[in-house]
Amino acid sequence: MSSNDWPKWVRDDNSVVSCTEKVKVMTENFDELKQIAQDALEDGLLMEVSEQQMRDALHQLVDSLINPYNKA
């Protein structure tokens, strides 16, 4: 997935986040995350860790993220 493939960002009310600077920051953040995750996957594979285990661990990492702004 290239930076051109990132989703169109939407708010909780489904309105589109259209501020150029906000979209730019989101694109940069996701580009960086993708590269870090790719590097971690490759390192794991080079150290003979199962590809499936690496993918599962990366999914678990994302699933464990906490929203500090949760509107509970």
PDB file of N, CA and C in Angstrom:
ATOM      1  N   MET A   1       0.853  -1.178   0.000  1.00  0.00           N
ATOM      2  CA  MET A   1       0.000   0.000   0.000  1.00  0.00           C
ATOM      3  C   MET A   1       0.895   1.237   0.000  1.00  0.00           C
ATOM      4  N   SER A   2       0.786   2.027  -1.019  1.00  0.00           N
ATOM      5  CA  SER A   2       1.553   3.273  -1.088  1.00  0.00           C
ATOM      6  C   SER A   2       0.751   4.384  -0.427  1.00  0.00           C
ATOM      7  N   SER A   3       1.401   5.523  -0.235  1.00  0.00           N
ATOM      8  CA  SER A   3       0.711   6.636   0.423  1.00  0.00           C
ATOM      9  C   SER A   3      -0.517   7.078  -0.371  1.00  0.00           C
ATOM     10  N   ASN A   4      -0.552   6.794  -1.667  1.00  0.00           N
ATOM     11  CA  ASN A   4      -1.729   7.129  -2.471  1.00  0.00           C
ATOM     12  C   ASN A   4      -2.900   6.201  -2.174  1.00  0.00           C
ATOM     13  N   ASP A   5      -2.611   5.081  -1.488  1.00  0.00           N
ATOM     14  CA  ASP A   5      -3.645   4.094  -1.201  1.00  0.00           C
ATOM     15  C   ASP A   5      -4.248   4.232   0.191  1.00  0.00           C
ATOM     16  N   TRP A   6      -3.780   5.184   0.990  1.00  0.00           N
ATOM     17  CA  TRP A   6      -4.345   5.337   2.327  1.00  0.00           C
ATOM     18  C   TRP A   6      -5.801   5.742   2.187  1.00  0.00           C
ATOM     19  N   PRO A   7      -6.615   5.396   3.181  1.00  0.00           N
ATOM     20  CA  PRO A   7      -8.048   5.704   3.068  1.00  0.00           C
ATOM     21  C   PRO A   7      -8.321   7.199   3.090  1.00  0.00           C
ATOM     22  N   LYS A   8      -9.494   7.539   2.641  1.00  0.00           N
ATOM     23  CA  LYS A   8      -9.975   8.912   2.809  1.00  0.00           C
ATOM     24  C   LYS A   8     -10.396   8.994   4.272  1.00  0.00           C
ATOM     25  N   TRP A   9      -9.806   9.917   5.010  1.00  0.00           N
ATOM     26  CA  TRP A   9     -10.042   9.993   6.454  1.00  0.00           C
ATOM     27  C   TRP A   9     -11.386  10.638   6.736  1.00  0.00           C
ATOM     28  N   VAL A  10     -12.161  10.009   7.623  1.00  0.00           N
ATOM     29  CA  VAL A  10     -13.484  10.518   7.990  1.00  0.00           C
ATOM     30  C   VAL A  10     -13.601  10.655   9.507  1.00  0.00           C
ATOM     31  N   ARG A  11     -14.470  11.548   9.918  1.00  0.00           N
ATOM     32  CA  ARG A  11     -14.767  11.752  11.335  1.00  0.00           C
ATOM     33  C   ARG A  11     -15.822  10.733  11.774  1.00  0.00           C
ATOM     34  N   ASP A  12     -16.113  10.715  13.081  1.00  0.00           N
ATOM     35  CA  ASP A  12     -17.131   9.799  13.604  1.00  0.00           C
ATOM     36  C   ASP A  12     -18.497  10.024  12.966  1.00  0.00           C
ATOM     37  N   ASP A  13     -18.760  11.254  12.510  1.00  0.00           N
ATOM     38  CA  ASP A  13     -20.053  11.542  11.875  1.00  0.00           C
ATOM     39  C   ASP A  13     -20.018  11.283  10.361  1.00  0.00           C
ATOM     40  N   ASN A  14     -18.929  10.651   9.886  1.00  0.00           N
ATOM     41  CA  ASN A  14     -18.714  10.290   8.477  1.00  0.00           C
ATOM     42  C   ASN A  14     -18.412  11.467   7.566  1.00  0.00           C
ATOM     43  N   SER A  15     -18.208  12.653   8.115  1.00  0.00           N
ATOM     44  CA  SER A  15     -17.771  13.770   7.276  1.00  0.00           C
ATOM     45  C   SER A  15     -16.277  13.601   6.998  1.00  0.00           C
ATOM     46  N   VAL A  16     -15.864  14.048   5.834  1.00  0.00           N
ATOM     47  CA  VAL A  16     -14.483  13.853   5.391  1.00  0.00           C
ATOM     48  C   VAL A  16     -13.558  14.874   6.043  1.00  0.00           C
ATOM     49  N   VAL A  17     -12.403  14.398   6.515  1.00  0.00           N
ATOM     50  CA  VAL A  17     -11.354  15.291   7.013  1.00  0.00           C
ATOM     51  C   VAL A  17     -10.654  15.840   5.777  1.00  0.00           C
ATOM     52  N   SER A  18     -10.868  17.111   5.491  1.00  0.00           N
ATOM     53  CA  SER A  18     -10.367  17.676   4.236  1.00  0.00           C
ATOM     54  C   SER A  18      -9.236  18.675   4.419  1.00  0.00           C
ATOM     55  N   CYS A  19      -8.905  19.012   5.652  1.00  0.00           N
ATOM     56  CA  CYS A  19      -7.811  19.950   5.901  1.00  0.00           C
ATOM     57  C   CYS A  19      -6.515  19.359   5.346  1.00  0.00           C
ATOM     58  N   THR A  20      -5.901  20.070   4.420  1.00  0.00           N
ATOM     59  CA  THR A  20      -4.697  19.583   3.743  1.00  0.00           C
ATOM     60  C   THR A  20      -3.604  19.216   4.729  1.00  0.00           C
ATOM     61  N   GLU A  21      -3.398  20.034   5.738  1.00  0.00           N
ATOM     62  CA  GLU A  21      -2.332  19.771   6.715  1.00  0.00           C
ATOM     63  C   GLU A  21      -2.630  18.519   7.533  1.00  0.00           C
ATOM     64  N   LYS A  22      -3.886  18.317   7.927  1.00  0.00           N
ATOM     65  CA  LYS A  22      -4.257  17.119   8.688  1.00  0.00           C
ATOM     66  C   LYS A  22      -4.046  15.867   7.844  1.00  0.00           C
ATOM     67  N   VAL A  23      -4.471  15.918   6.594  1.00  0.00           N
ATOM     68  CA  VAL A  23      -4.300  14.772   5.697  1.00  0.00           C
ATOM     69  C   VAL A  23      -2.818  14.498   5.470  1.00  0.00           C
ATOM     70  N   LYS A  24      -2.028  15.553   5.335  1.00  0.00           N
ATOM     71  CA  LYS A  24      -0.579  15.405   5.149  1.00  0.00           C
ATOM     72  C   LYS A  24       0.052  14.712   6.353  1.00  0.00           C
ATOM     73  N   VAL A  25      -0.325  15.132   7.562  1.00  0.00           N
ATOM     74  CA  VAL A  25       0.215  14.515   8.780  1.00  0.00           C
ATOM     75  C   VAL A  25      -0.186  13.047   8.859  1.00  0.00           C
ATOM     76  N   MET A  26      -1.443  12.738   8.567  1.00  0.00           N
ATOM     77  CA  MET A  26      -1.901  11.343   8.595  1.00  0.00           C
ATOM     78  C   MET A  26      -1.129  10.502   7.584  1.00  0.00           C
ATOM     79  N   THR A  27      -0.912  11.033   6.387  1.00  0.00           N
ATOM     80  CA  THR A  27      -0.158  10.314   5.358  1.00  0.00           C
ATOM     81  C   THR A  27       1.267  10.056   5.820  1.00  0.00           C
ATOM     82  N   GLU A  28       1.912  11.076   6.360  1.00  0.00           N
ATOM     83  CA  GLU A  28       3.288  10.906   6.846  1.00  0.00           C
ATOM     84  C   GLU A  28       3.346   9.888   7.978  1.00  0.00           C
ATOM     85  N   ASN A  29       2.395   9.961   8.920  1.00  0.00           N
ATOM     86  CA  ASN A  29       2.373   9.010  10.032  1.00  0.00           C
ATOM     87  C   ASN A  29       2.216   7.578   9.532  1.00  0.00           C
ATOM     88  N   PHE A  30       1.297   7.359   8.607  1.00  0.00           N
ATOM     89  CA  PHE A  30       1.061   6.010   8.116  1.00  0.00           C
ATOM     90  C   PHE A  30       2.205   5.510   7.242  1.00  0.00           C
ATOM     91  N   ASP A  31       2.830   6.394   6.481  1.00  0.00           N
ATOM     92  CA  ASP A  31       4.019   5.999   5.719  1.00  0.00           C
ATOM     93  C   ASP A  31       5.123   5.530   6.669  1.00  0.00           C
ATOM     94  N   GLU A  32       5.331   6.275   7.768  1.00  0.00           N
ATOM     95  CA  GLU A  32       6.354   5.903   8.745  1.00  0.00           C
ATOM     96  C   GLU A  32       6.006   4.589   9.434  1.00  0.00           C
ATOM     97  N   LEU A  33       4.740   4.437   9.844  1.00  0.00           N
ATOM     98  CA  LEU A  33       4.316   3.193  10.485  1.00  0.00           C
ATOM     99  C   LEU A  33       4.508   1.996   9.567  1.00  0.00           C
ATOM    100  N   LYS A  34       4.167   2.171   8.300  1.00  0.00           N
ATOM    101  CA  LYS A  34       4.330   1.073   7.350  1.00  0.00           C
ATOM    102  C   LYS A  34       5.791   0.667   7.253  1.00  0.00           C
ATOM    103  N   GLN A  35       6.694   1.635   7.181  1.00  0.00           N
ATOM    104  CA  GLN A  35       8.114   1.319   7.056  1.00  0.00           C
ATOM    105  C   GLN A  35       8.642   0.637   8.317  1.00  0.00           C
ATOM    106  N   ILE A  36       8.231   1.106   9.492  1.00  0.00           N
ATOM    107  CA  ILE A  36       8.664   0.483  10.745  1.00  0.00           C
ATOM    108  C   ILE A  36       8.141  -0.949  10.832  1.00  0.00           C
ATOM    109  N   ALA A  37       6.869  -1.154  10.476  1.00  0.00           N
ATOM    110  CA  ALA A  37       6.296  -2.501  10.507  1.00  0.00           C
ATOM    111  C   ALA A  37       6.989  -3.408   9.496  1.00  0.00           C
ATOM    112  N   GLN A  38       7.298  -2.879   8.315  1.00  0.00           N
ATOM    113  CA  GLN A  38       8.011  -3.658   7.295  1.00  0.00           C
ATOM    114  C   GLN A  38       9.386  -4.072   7.808  1.00  0.00           C
ATOM    115  N   ASP A  39      10.100  -3.135   8.430  1.00  0.00           N
ATOM    116  CA  ASP A  39      11.424  -3.438   8.982  1.00  0.00           C
ATOM    117  C   ASP A  39      11.332  -4.510  10.064  1.00  0.00           C
ATOM    118  N   ALA A  40      10.326  -4.404  10.945  1.00  0.00           N
ATOM    119  CA  ALA A  40      10.156  -5.393  12.013  1.00  0.00           C
ATOM    120  C   ALA A  40       9.845  -6.769  11.430  1.00  0.00           C
ATOM    121  N   LEU A  41       8.983  -6.811  10.410  1.00  0.00           N
ATOM    122  CA  LEU A  41       8.656  -8.080   9.762  1.00  0.00           C
ATOM    123  C   LEU A  41       9.900  -8.704   9.150  1.00  0.00           C
ATOM    124  N   GLU A  42      10.655  -7.916   8.413  1.00  0.00           N
ATOM    125  CA  GLU A  42      11.864  -8.430   7.771  1.00  0.00           C
ATOM    126  C   GLU A  42      12.884  -8.906   8.797  1.00  0.00           C
ATOM    127  N   ASP A  43      13.061  -8.153   9.893  1.00  0.00           N
ATOM    128  CA  ASP A  43      13.985  -8.583  10.942  1.00  0.00           C
ATOM    129  C   ASP A  43      13.549  -9.922  11.522  1.00  0.00           C
ATOM    130  N   GLY A  44      12.259 -10.049  11.813  1.00  0.00           N
ATOM    131  CA  GLY A  44      11.748 -11.308  12.349  1.00  0.00           C
ATOM    132  C   GLY A  44      11.989 -12.469  11.403  1.00  0.00           C
ATOM    133  N   LEU A  45      11.721 -12.252  10.122  1.00  0.00           N
ATOM    134  CA  LEU A  45      11.923 -13.312   9.135  1.00  0.00           C
ATOM    135  C   LEU A  45      13.391 -13.691   9.032  1.00  0.00           C
ATOM    136  N   LEU A  46      14.283 -12.697   9.071  1.00  0.00           N
ATOM    137  CA  LEU A  46      15.718 -12.985   9.029  1.00  0.00           C
ATOM    138  C   LEU A  46      16.170 -13.765  10.257  1.00  0.00           C
ATOM    139  N   MET A  47      15.467 -13.577  11.383  1.00  0.00           N
ATOM    140  CA  MET A  47      15.801 -14.301  12.610  1.00  0.00           C
ATOM    141  C   MET A  47      15.007 -15.598  12.722  1.00  0.00           C
ATOM    142  N   GLU A  48      14.399 -16.004  11.598  1.00  0.00           N
ATOM    143  CA  GLU A  48      13.687 -17.276  11.446  1.00  0.00           C
ATOM    144  C   GLU A  48      12.411 -17.374  12.273  1.00  0.00           C
ATOM    145  N   VAL A  49      11.794 -16.226  12.579  1.00  0.00           N
ATOM    146  CA  VAL A  49      10.487 -16.224  13.225  1.00  0.00           C
ATOM    147  C   VAL A  49       9.447 -16.510  12.143  1.00  0.00           C
ATOM    148  N   SER A  50       8.432 -17.272  12.489  1.00  0.00           N
ATOM    149  CA  SER A  50       7.357 -17.591  11.558  1.00  0.00           C
ATOM    150  C   SER A  50       6.711 -16.309  11.029  1.00  0.00           C
ATOM    151  N   GLU A  51       6.494 -16.260   9.716  1.00  0.00           N
ATOM    152  CA  GLU A  51       5.838 -15.088   9.126  1.00  0.00           C
ATOM    153  C   GLU A  51       4.456 -14.885   9.732  1.00  0.00           C
ATOM    154  N   GLN A  52       3.710 -15.976   9.906  1.00  0.00           N
ATOM    155  CA  GLN A  52       2.363 -15.845  10.464  1.00  0.00           C
ATOM    156  C   GLN A  52       2.408 -15.301  11.885  1.00  0.00           C
ATOM    157  N   GLN A  53       3.391 -15.757  12.680  1.00  0.00           N
ATOM    158  CA  GLN A  53       3.506 -15.245  14.041  1.00  0.00           C
ATOM    159  C   GLN A  53       3.837 -13.752  14.031  1.00  0.00           C
ATOM    160  N   MET A  54       4.709 -13.328  13.125  1.00  0.00           N
ATOM    161  CA  MET A  54       5.044 -11.906  13.025  1.00  0.00           C
ATOM    162  C   MET A  54       3.803 -11.086  12.667  1.00  0.00           C
ATOM    163  N   ARG A  55       3.046 -11.559  11.688  1.00  0.00           N
ATOM    164  CA  ARG A  55       1.838 -10.836  11.282  1.00  0.00           C
ATOM    165  C   ARG A  55       0.823 -10.779  12.423  1.00  0.00           C
ATOM    166  N   ASP A  56       0.651 -11.904  13.114  1.00  0.00           N
ATOM    167  CA  ASP A  56      -0.278 -11.941  14.248  1.00  0.00           C
ATOM    168  C   ASP A  56       0.163 -10.972  15.344  1.00  0.00           C
ATOM    169  N   ALA A  57       1.471 -10.929  15.618  1.00  0.00           N
ATOM    170  CA  ALA A  57       1.994 -10.037  16.660  1.00  0.00           C
ATOM    171  C   ALA A  57       1.780  -8.573  16.282  1.00  0.00           C
ATOM    172  N   LEU A  58       1.979  -8.241  15.005  1.00  0.00           N
ATOM    173  CA  LEU A  58       1.751  -6.864  14.559  1.00  0.00           C
ATOM    174  C   LEU A  58       0.272  -6.493  14.675  1.00  0.00           C
ATOM    175  N   HIS A  59      -0.615  -7.427  14.338  1.00  0.00           N
ATOM    176  CA  HIS A  59      -2.053  -7.179  14.495  1.00  0.00           C
ATOM    177  C   HIS A  59      -2.401  -6.970  15.965  1.00  0.00           C
ATOM    178  N   GLN A  60      -1.829  -7.803  16.834  1.00  0.00           N
ATOM    179  CA  GLN A  60      -2.090  -7.664  18.272  1.00  0.00           C
ATOM    180  C   GLN A  60      -1.602  -6.317  18.786  1.00  0.00           C
ATOM    181  N   LEU A  61      -0.471  -5.873  18.270  1.00  0.00           N
ATOM    182  CA  LEU A  61       0.070  -4.574  18.671  1.00  0.00           C
ATOM    183  C   LEU A  61      -0.922  -3.459  18.341  1.00  0.00           C
ATOM    184  N   VAL A  62      -1.441  -3.469  17.135  1.00  0.00           N
ATOM    185  CA  VAL A  62      -2.415  -2.446  16.729  1.00  0.00           C
ATOM    186  C   VAL A  62      -3.685  -2.564  17.573  1.00  0.00           C
ATOM    187  N   ASP A  63      -4.141  -3.791  17.788  1.00  0.00           N
ATOM    188  CA  ASP A  63      -5.360  -3.993  18.573  1.00  0.00           C
ATOM    189  C   ASP A  63      -5.204  -3.520  20.017  1.00  0.00           C
ATOM    190  N   SER A  64      -3.973  -3.460  20.520  1.00  0.00           N
ATOM    191  CA  SER A  64      -3.742  -3.064  21.912  1.00  0.00           C
ATOM    192  C   SER A  64      -3.619  -1.548  22.092  1.00  0.00           C
ATOM    193  N   LEU A  65      -3.628  -0.790  21.000  1.00  0.00           N
ATOM    194  CA  LEU A  65      -3.516   0.664  21.110  1.00  0.00           C
ATOM    195  C   LEU A  65      -4.725   1.233  21.849  1.00  0.00           C
ATOM    196  N   ILE A  66      -4.479   2.245  22.665  1.00  0.00           N
ATOM    197  CA  ILE A  66      -5.526   2.843  23.494  1.00  0.00           C
ATOM    198  C   ILE A  66      -5.844   4.247  22.985  1.00  0.00           C
ATOM    199  N   ASN A  67      -7.117   4.546  22.863  1.00  0.00           N
ATOM    200  CA  ASN A  67      -7.569   5.880  22.468  1.00  0.00           C
ATOM    201  C   ASN A  67      -7.632   6.765  23.712  1.00  0.00           C
ATOM    202  N   PRO A  68      -6.679   7.699  23.875  1.00  0.00           N
ATOM    203  CA  PRO A  68      -6.700   8.555  25.062  1.00  0.00           C
ATOM    204  C   PRO A  68      -7.790   9.627  24.999  1.00  0.00           C
ATOM    205  N   TYR A  69      -8.445   9.759  23.851  1.00  0.00           N
ATOM    206  CA  TYR A  69      -9.475  10.780  23.660  1.00  0.00           C
ATOM    207  C   TYR A  69     -10.868  10.173  23.603  1.00  0.00           C
ATOM    208  N   ASN A  70     -11.007   8.935  24.057  1.00  0.00           N
ATOM    209  CA  ASN A  70     -12.270   8.207  23.973  1.00  0.00           C
ATOM    210  C   ASN A  70     -13.406   9.020  24.587  1.00  0.00           C
ATOM    211  N   LYS A  71     -14.469   9.163  23.820  1.00  0.00           N
ATOM    212  CA  LYS A  71     -15.642   9.925  24.263  1.00  0.00           C
ATOM    213  C   LYS A  71     -16.637   8.974  24.911  1.00  0.00           C
ATOM    214  N   ALA A  72     -16.280   8.442  26.058  1.00  0.00           N
ATOM    215  CA  ALA A  72     -17.132   7.446  26.728  1.00  0.00           C
ATOM    216  C   ALA A  72     -18.294   8.074  27.449  1.00  0.00           C
TER     217      ALA A  72
END
